[in-house]
Amino acid sequence: MVVAGAEVSTSPRPAVGRLSENIASVGTSEFRDNSWTIELFRQPLLDLYPLSTNFAMADIDVKVASWKLVEVGRLVLIRSGPYEGKLAAIVEIVDHRRVLVDGPSTEEKKIVPRHVLPLAHATLTHFTIPQLPRAAGTGPVKKLWAKNEIDGKWAKSSFAQRTDRAERRKNLSDFERFKVLRLRKQARYEVQKSHAKVRASAKA
């Protein structure tokens, strides 16, 4: 067949589906079929990627995320309402927005009566009461609370200490705030004086 002075071959091209035969013929650096020839690569393809090549997969270390789950026995810190700043344990999950909590603390001023608490008003903590039965009464919760020393563990946590410092700072009187200001100035002056001595010794 001749089109505009150019000769075009009408011979059928090789079937694409016969992959193994095509790859074997590509390895000879020329791919021939009847009347047409295509030069593909100077270096044989099979030398680059042999059919028996095994690709090693990277080693991946998968770890379980340490999420704080809403679960029975999880301790929560109440953020708003009449029991703000107190600790309670989840004894039952009402729905996806509310939980039933109970806080039988060993300290009378920190006791939280059993009530339904919206999750929007609570902060999940890292502490849990293991093996707490679902919908357990106040008596069993109180025994497990004392057995696991929840009050002592919470008092030693960094979050509780930071919260206690912020609460004490908020309740300072004007004179106590003035004393804190003076002490901070004195501490800053001592730090600056030490830095000046270090710089002077470095120059000498």
Foldseek 3Di string as FASTA:
>chain_A
DADPNDDDDPDDDDDPVPPVVQLVQQQVQWDDDPPDIDRDDPHGPCVVPPPPDDDDDDDDDDDDDPDQDPDFFWKKAFCDDPLHRAIWTFQACPDPFKTWTFAPDPDPVRGDHTDIDTPVRIDTDPDGQPPRHHPDDPVVVNVSCVVVVVVVVLCPDPVNVVVVVVVVVVPDDPVVVVVVVVVVVVVVVVVVVVVVVVVVVVVD
